Amino acid sequence: MKRIILTGGGTAGHVTPNMALVPTLKERGYDIQYIGSYDGMEKKLIEDMGIPYHGIATGKLRRYFDLRNFSDPFRVIKGFNEAKKLMKELKPDVVFSKGGFVSVPVVLAASAKKIPCIIHESDMTPGLANKISIPKASKVCCNFAETMENLPAGKAVVTGTPIRQELFAGDAVKAMTFFTEVRPTLLVIGGSSGSVRVNEAIRSCLPELTKKYNVIHLCGKGNIDESYNGTAHYVQFDYIKQELADLLALADIVVSRAGANAICELLALRKPSVLIPLSLAASRGDQILNAQSFDKRGYAKLLLEEDLTNESLLAAVNEVYENHDHYIKAMELSTKSDAITMICDMIDELANK
């Protein structure tokens, strides 16, 4: 039996594509192991799937001054040594990395042990963790054709992102039980850890939004505001797992951050959206590039965080809803790739060398 190590963590976007590969990898007879951080969000997600999980030390590599920059390199070194030990114990045939800082010592350890590694880069331009790992990779998968110019020739392949197949099996009728009146449904997704800015904007607009829409608000762990419980035509959740497919099936439009995996899921499901990317003050700008690409192609409407007001949010939501057929038609013209098959074929090729 061939063995694969999956790695990636820190945010849901660094975990869910790995989760999407698991059923096909199992069908192809792989023994699947996962390496993540000791207590990252990926741990519970992976253990809930029955996949053996191995934690290692990890440190964040920052581009800005922070006192932790003096201690985190030692955590990275510790993680590298732990990953090397796991490579020796588990003897994988191949490693697949979805990125995040926990993946760096894993990829470096695989390279040191001459184990082939495939990396997936979701964003338009590679993040720092993947920039460090790419030279050690055998193949680099990406979502956007524009990303190819930032990747080594001969290694890069446009695959798209692996989408969890259960998302296509949602039941809108089940999700409708949260409401007493049939209305257009607005789903708000702030990311796995939530978004303070998006949460504040949505709640400020609730009196106007709930005149027209049923609003489902995924506000992130620890971000429930109980003062809004009982608000008509509004429900809030900190995190949804099993019911997410049903909520997406019910949604007519979505307000979301612009993480690459999240917006690729919206594209695959043909969900018109308002994208509010993280600002340059809070990120390296990758979400802005992602959202600009989707806006240009007519898949979504871009609303920069710097331009986010009650008025601009309401206007964007209403515009997307009123023109949702236009957005759906644009998304239907997009090229659909079978990312799961493409990536698993690559894994087979390297594992059988």
Protein backbone atom coordinates (compact mmCIF):
# COMPACT_ATOMS: atom_id res chain seq x y z
CA MET A 1 0.00 0.00 0.00
CA LYS A 2 1.29 3.44 -0.95
CA ARG A 3 1.49 6.01 1.82
CA ILE A 4 0.97 9.76 1.52
CA ILE A 5 1.50 12.52 4.03
CA LEU A 6 -0.80 15.52 3.73
CA THR A 7 0.19 18.78 5.39
CA GLY A 8 -1.14 22.29 5.73
CA GLY A 9 -2.77 24.38 8.42
CA GLY A 10 -3.41 27.66 10.15
CA THR A 11 -6.64 28.49 8.32
CA ALA A 12 -9.45 26.45 6.80
CA GLY A 13 -8.11 27.35 3.35
CA HIS A 14 -4.96 25.38 4.13
CA VAL A 15 -6.93 22.33 5.24
CA THR A 16 -10.16 21.90 3.26
CA PRO A 17 -8.45 21.17 -0.11
CA ASN A 18 -6.55 18.35 1.62
CA MET A 19 -9.85 17.09 3.00
CA ALA A 20 -11.30 17.16 -0.53
CA LEU A 21 -8.55 14.80 -1.74
CA VAL A 22 -9.08 12.19 0.98
CA PRO A 23 -12.00 10.19 -0.53
CA THR A 24 -10.24 9.75 -3.90
CA LEU A 25 -6.91 8.92 -2.26
CA LYS A 26 -8.67 6.25 -0.19
CA GLU A 27 -10.34 4.87 -3.33
CA ARG A 28 -6.88 4.60 -4.91
CA GLY A 29 -5.62 2.59 -1.95
CA TYR A 30 -3.44 5.14 -0.13
CA ASP A 31 -2.64 5.00 3.54
CA ILE A 32 -3.12 8.66 4.52
CA GLN A 33 -1.25 10.40 7.35
CA TYR A 34 -1.45 14.10 8.28
CA ILE A 35 1.15 16.44 9.76
CA GLY A 36 -0.07 19.70 11.27
CA SER A 37 0.66 21.90 14.24
CA TYR A 38 0.18 20.65 17.79
CA ASP A 39 -3.09 22.46 18.41
CA GLY A 40 -4.05 24.14 15.13
CA MET A 41 -7.61 24.14 13.82
CA GLU A 42 -6.58 21.46 11.33
CA LYS A 43 -6.17 18.91 14.14
CA LYS A 44 -9.86 18.44 14.91
CA LEU A 45 -10.91 18.69 11.25
CA ILE A 46 -8.55 15.88 10.28
CA GLU A 47 -9.11 13.68 13.33
CA ASP A 48 -12.88 13.90 12.72
CA MET A 49 -12.20 12.25 9.34
CA GLY A 50 -10.43 9.34 11.02
CA ILE A 51 -7.03 10.27 9.54
CA PRO A 52 -3.97 9.67 11.79
CA TYR A 53 -2.68 13.08 12.87
CA HIS A 54 0.86 14.01 13.88
CA GLY A 55 1.59 17.37 15.50
CA ILE A 56 4.86 19.27 15.17
CA ALA A 57 6.19 22.59 16.42
CA THR A 58 5.68 25.54 14.12
CA GLY A 59 6.58 29.20 14.03
CA LYS A 60 5.33 31.98 11.82
CA LEU A 61 7.74 33.66 9.41
CA ARG A 62 6.86 37.35 9.51
CA ARG A 63 7.82 40.16 7.16
CA TYR A 64 7.39 42.74 9.93
CA PHE A 65 9.03 43.38 13.30
CA ASP A 66 7.69 41.26 16.13
CA LEU A 67 9.44 40.00 19.25
CA ARG A 68 8.31 36.50 18.34
CA ASN A 69 10.58 36.71 15.28
CA PHE A 70 13.44 35.98 17.70
CA SER A 71 11.88 32.79 19.12
CA ASP A 72 9.89 31.37 16.20
CA PRO A 73 12.94 30.32 14.13
CA PHE A 74 13.80 27.90 16.94
CA ARG A 75 10.26 26.47 16.73
CA VAL A 76 10.70 26.03 12.97
CA ILE A 77 13.98 24.18 13.56
CA LYS A 78 12.28 21.99 16.18
CA GLY A 79 9.43 21.33 13.74
CA PHE A 80 11.91 20.39 11.02
CA ASN A 81 13.60 17.85 13.29
CA GLU A 82 10.23 16.43 14.33
CA ALA A 83 9.14 16.21 10.68
CA LYS A 84 12.38 14.42 9.75
CA LYS A 85 11.72 11.90 12.52
CA LEU A 86 8.20 11.35 11.19
CA MET A 87 9.51 10.87 7.65
CA LYS A 88 11.81 8.17 8.95
CA GLU A 89 9.03 6.47 10.94
CA LEU A 90 6.20 6.75 8.40
CA LYS A 91 8.27 6.27 5.23
CA PRO A 92 5.79 8.03 2.89
CA ASP A 93 6.00 7.57 -0.86
CA VAL A 94 4.90 11.17 -1.48
CA VAL A 95 3.96 14.36 0.37
CA PHE A 96 1.20 16.82 -0.60
CA SER A 97 1.37 20.29 0.94
CA LYS A 98 -1.43 22.85 0.98
CA GLY A 99 0.73 25.51 2.57
CA GLY A 100 0.68 27.51 5.76
CA PHE A 101 3.69 27.84 7.99
CA VAL A 102 3.35 24.34 9.46
CA SER A 103 4.01 22.93 5.98
CA VAL A 104 7.50 24.45 5.61
CA PRO A 105 9.40 22.06 7.94
CA VAL A 106 7.43 19.14 6.48
CA VAL A 107 8.40 19.96 2.88
CA LEU A 108 12.03 20.59 3.87
CA ALA A 109 12.15 17.33 5.80
CA ALA A 110 10.68 15.41 2.85
CA SER A 111 13.27 16.92 0.56
CA ALA A 112 16.07 15.99 2.97
CA LYS A 113 14.82 12.39 2.85
CA LYS A 114 14.49 12.42 -0.98
CA ILE A 115 10.70 12.06 -0.78
CA PRO A 116 8.84 13.72 -3.69
CA CYS A 117 6.53 16.57 -2.74
CA ILE A 118 3.66 18.36 -4.48
CA ILE A 119 2.69 21.87 -3.36
CA HIS A 120 -0.61 23.63 -4.03
CA GLU A 121 -0.67 27.44 -4.22
CA SER A 122 -4.18 28.86 -4.11
CA ASP A 123 -3.54 32.58 -4.43
CA MET A 124 -2.56 34.65 -7.42
CA THR A 125 0.98 35.03 -6.06
CA PRO A 126 2.76 32.57 -3.74
CA GLY A 127 2.83 33.27 -0.03
CA LEU A 128 6.05 33.28 1.98
CA ALA A 129 5.66 29.70 3.22
CA ASN A 130 5.26 28.35 -0.31
CA LYS A 131 8.06 30.58 -1.64
CA ILE A 132 10.41 28.82 0.79
CA SER A 133 9.04 25.37 -0.08
CA ILE A 134 8.70 25.62 -3.89
CA PRO A 135 12.42 25.01 -4.68
CA LYS A 136 12.14 21.67 -2.87
CA ALA A 137 8.93 20.58 -4.64
CA SER A 138 8.62 18.17 -7.55
CA LYS A 139 5.39 19.80 -8.78
CA VAL A 140 3.52 23.01 -7.96
CA CYS A 141 -0.24 23.21 -8.55
CA CYS A 142 -2.05 26.54 -8.80
CA ASN A 143 -5.52 28.02 -9.28
CA PHE A 144 -4.86 30.87 -11.68
CA ALA A 145 -3.11 30.91 -15.05
CA GLU A 146 -1.60 34.25 -14.01
CA THR A 147 0.26 32.48 -11.18
CA MET A 148 2.34 30.48 -13.65
CA GLU A 149 4.65 33.43 -14.31
CA ASN A 150 5.62 33.40 -10.62
CA LEU A 151 6.43 29.67 -10.57
CA PRO A 152 9.37 27.63 -11.90
CA ALA A 153 8.96 26.49 -15.50
CA GLY A 154 8.52 22.73 -15.75
CA LYS A 155 7.12 22.39 -12.24
CA ALA A 156 3.92 24.43 -12.41
CA VAL A 157 0.51 23.07 -13.42
CA VAL A 158 -2.84 24.90 -13.40
CA THR A 159 -5.19 22.45 -11.66
CA GLY A 160 -7.72 24.64 -9.90
CA THR A 161 -8.50 23.88 -6.30
CA PRO A 162 -9.88 20.58 -4.95
CA ILE A 163 -13.51 21.14 -3.95
CA ARG A 164 -15.16 19.02 -1.26
CA GLN A 165 -17.79 17.00 -3.09
CA GLU A 166 -20.23 17.17 -0.18
CA LEU A 167 -20.69 20.89 -0.87
CA PHE A 168 -22.58 19.96 -4.05
CA ALA A 169 -25.10 17.86 -2.09
CA GLY A 170 -26.68 20.59 0.03
CA ASP A 171 -30.38 20.60 0.84
CA ALA A 172 -31.91 24.09 0.82
CA VAL A 173 -35.10 22.80 2.44
CA LYS A 174 -33.16 21.75 5.55
CA ALA A 175 -31.53 25.18 5.84
CA MET A 176 -34.88 26.94 5.41
CA THR A 177 -35.93 25.63 8.83
CA PHE A 178 -33.99 28.54 10.36
CA PHE A 179 -36.56 30.98 8.97
CA THR A 180 -40.33 31.40 9.05
CA GLU A 181 -40.68 33.33 5.78
CA VAL A 182 -39.42 32.51 2.28
CA ARG A 183 -37.21 35.40 1.12
CA PRO A 184 -33.96 35.89 -0.81
CA THR A 185 -31.16 34.52 1.37
CA LEU A 186 -27.88 36.31 2.07
CA LEU A 187 -25.06 34.14 3.44
CA VAL A 188 -22.16 35.96 5.13
CA ILE A 189 -18.84 34.10 5.45
CA GLY A 190 -16.03 35.85 7.30
CA GLY A 191 -13.54 32.97 7.18
CA SER A 192 -12.79 30.26 9.75
CA SER A 193 -11.68 32.80 12.36
CA GLY A 194 -14.21 35.42 11.35
CA SER A 195 -13.70 39.02 10.32
CA VAL A 196 -14.32 41.81 12.81
CA ARG A 197 -14.71 44.40 10.06
CA VAL A 198 -17.19 42.35 8.02
CA ASN A 199 -19.12 41.32 11.15
CA GLU A 200 -19.46 44.94 12.25
CA ALA A 201 -20.59 46.07 8.81
CA ILE A 202 -23.23 43.33 8.48
CA ARG A 203 -24.66 43.97 11.94
CA SER A 204 -24.77 47.71 11.32
CA CYS A 205 -26.81 47.04 8.17
CA LEU A 206 -29.16 44.45 9.64
CA PRO A 207 -32.18 46.79 9.97
CA GLU A 208 -32.02 47.42 6.21
CA LEU A 209 -30.85 43.97 5.12
CA THR A 210 -33.61 42.14 6.99
CA LYS A 211 -36.30 44.21 5.27
CA LYS A 212 -35.55 42.19 2.13
CA TYR A 213 -33.33 39.21 2.94
CA ASN A 214 -33.05 36.30 5.30
CA VAL A 215 -29.49 36.66 6.62
CA ILE A 216 -27.27 33.75 7.67
CA HIS A 217 -24.13 35.06 9.37
CA LEU A 218 -21.09 32.81 9.90
CA CYS A 219 -19.15 35.16 12.14
CA GLY A 220 -16.22 33.00 13.28
CA LYS A 221 -15.39 31.32 16.58
CA GLY A 222 -15.80 33.63 19.56
CA ASN A 223 -17.62 36.26 17.52
CA ILE A 224 -21.26 35.52 18.39
CA ASP A 225 -23.04 38.66 19.62
CA GLU A 226 -25.90 37.42 21.79
CA SER A 227 -27.61 40.81 21.70
CA TYR A 228 -28.67 39.94 18.13
CA ASN A 229 -30.23 36.60 19.07
CA GLY A 230 -33.91 36.66 18.22
CA THR A 231 -33.53 39.29 15.50
CA ALA A 232 -36.15 38.61 12.85
CA HIS A 233 -34.84 37.10 9.59
CA TYR A 234 -31.32 36.74 11.04
CA VAL A 235 -29.37 33.78 12.39
CA GLN A 236 -25.72 33.69 13.45
CA PHE A 237 -23.26 30.84 13.92
CA ASP A 238 -19.64 30.94 15.01
CA TYR A 239 -18.69 27.95 12.84
CA ILE A 240 -20.63 25.51 10.69
CA LYS A 241 -19.34 22.17 9.46
CA GLN A 242 -22.00 19.59 8.59
CA GLU A 243 -24.70 22.11 7.61
CA LEU A 244 -22.51 24.31 5.39
CA ALA A 245 -23.60 22.58 2.18
CA ASP A 246 -27.25 23.16 3.09
CA LEU A 247 -26.65 26.85 3.84
CA LEU A 248 -24.83 27.29 0.53
CA ALA A 249 -27.68 25.55 -1.31
CA LEU A 250 -30.17 28.01 0.21
CA ALA A 251 -28.05 31.12 -0.41
CA ASP A 252 -28.99 33.40 -3.30
CA ILE A 253 -25.97 35.64 -2.75
CA VAL A 254 -22.89 35.52 -0.52
CA VAL A 255 -20.77 38.15 1.21
CA SER A 256 -17.29 36.77 1.77
CA ARG A 257 -13.64 37.52 2.29
CA ALA A 258 -11.59 36.62 -0.77
CA GLY A 259 -9.45 33.71 0.31
CA ALA A 260 -8.73 31.68 -2.83
CA ASN A 261 -10.24 28.40 -1.70
CA ALA A 262 -13.44 30.03 -0.44
CA ILE A 263 -14.05 31.94 -3.66
CA CYS A 264 -13.23 28.90 -5.81
CA GLU A 265 -15.90 27.00 -3.90
CA LEU A 266 -18.37 29.82 -4.60
CA LEU A 267 -17.42 29.69 -8.29
CA ALA A 268 -17.91 25.94 -8.45
CA LEU A 269 -21.32 26.28 -6.78
CA ARG A 270 -22.26 29.24 -9.04
CA LYS A 271 -22.97 31.57 -6.10
CA PRO A 272 -22.97 35.32 -6.93
CA SER A 273 -21.00 37.17 -4.28
CA VAL A 274 -19.74 40.42 -2.85
CA LEU A 275 -16.05 39.96 -2.05
CA ILE A 276 -14.45 42.09 0.68
CA PRO A 277 -10.73 41.20 0.64
CA LEU A 278 -8.39 41.78 3.53
CA SER A 279 -6.80 45.20 3.21
CA LEU A 280 -3.12 45.79 2.47
CA ALA A 281 -2.74 46.98 6.05
CA ALA A 282 -3.65 43.48 7.28
CA SER A 283 -2.24 41.25 4.52
CA ARG A 284 0.21 40.98 1.65
CA GLY A 285 -2.58 41.82 -0.78
CA ASP A 286 -3.29 38.32 -2.10
CA GLN A 287 -7.01 38.54 -1.37
CA ILE A 288 -7.23 41.82 -3.27
CA LEU A 289 -5.67 40.20 -6.35
CA ASN A 290 -8.02 37.22 -6.05
CA ALA A 291 -11.08 39.46 -5.78
CA GLN A 292 -9.94 41.70 -8.64
CA SER A 293 -9.62 38.63 -10.87
CA PHE A 294 -13.16 37.46 -10.02
CA ASP A 295 -14.58 40.96 -10.43
CA LYS A 296 -12.92 41.34 -13.84
CA ARG A 297 -14.40 38.04 -15.01
CA GLY A 298 -17.88 38.95 -13.80
CA TYR A 299 -18.03 36.21 -11.16
CA ALA A 300 -18.35 38.59 -8.19
CA LYS A 301 -18.41 42.23 -7.15
CA LEU A 302 -15.33 43.64 -5.44
CA LEU A 303 -15.83 45.92 -2.44
CA LEU A 304 -12.54 47.09 -0.94
CA GLU A 305 -12.42 47.20 2.85
CA GLU A 306 -11.30 50.83 2.65
CA ASP A 307 -14.57 51.60 0.84
CA LEU A 308 -16.76 49.56 3.19
CA THR A 309 -19.63 51.59 4.65
CA ASN A 310 -23.25 50.78 5.40
CA GLU A 311 -24.24 52.46 2.16
CA SER A 312 -21.63 50.76 -0.03
CA LEU A 313 -22.36 47.33 1.44
CA LEU A 314 -26.11 47.65 0.96
CA ALA A 315 -25.61 48.93 -2.59
CA ALA A 316 -23.25 46.05 -3.46
CA VAL A 317 -25.54 43.38 -2.00
CA ASN A 318 -28.60 44.75 -3.80
CA GLU A 319 -26.72 45.11 -7.10
CA VAL A 320 -25.48 41.53 -7.01
CA TYR A 321 -28.92 40.20 -6.09
CA GLU A 322 -30.69 42.21 -8.80
CA ASN A 323 -28.15 41.02 -11.39
CA HIS A 324 -27.56 37.51 -10.03
CA ASP A 325 -28.48 35.91 -13.37
CA HIS A 326 -25.69 37.88 -15.04
CA TYR A 327 -23.15 36.65 -12.48
CA ILE A 328 -24.34 33.05 -12.77
CA LYS A 329 -24.06 33.12 -16.57
CA ALA A 330 -20.49 34.46 -16.31
CA MET A 331 -19.56 31.69 -13.88
CA GLU A 332 -21.13 29.05 -16.12
CA LEU A 333 -18.73 30.13 -18.88
CA SER A 334 -15.72 29.50 -16.64
CA THR A 335 -13.55 26.47 -17.37
CA LYS A 336 -14.24 23.73 -14.85
CA SER A 337 -11.22 21.57 -14.11
CA ASP A 338 -11.30 18.28 -12.25
CA ALA A 339 -8.67 19.34 -9.76
CA ILE A 340 -9.04 16.25 -7.58
CA THR A 341 -8.36 13.84 -10.46
CA MET A 342 -5.50 15.95 -11.84
CA ILE A 343 -3.76 16.19 -8.47
CA CYS A 344 -4.32 12.53 -7.56
CA ASP A 345 -2.91 11.49 -10.95
CA MET A 346 0.19 13.58 -10.17
CA ILE A 347 0.43 11.93 -6.76
CA ASP A 348 0.19 8.48 -8.39
CA GLU A 349 2.94 9.35 -10.87
CA LEU A 350 5.37 10.47 -8.17
CA ALA A 351 4.47 7.72 -5.71
CA ASN A 352 5.11 5.02 -8.30
CA LYS A 353 8.48 6.32 -9.50
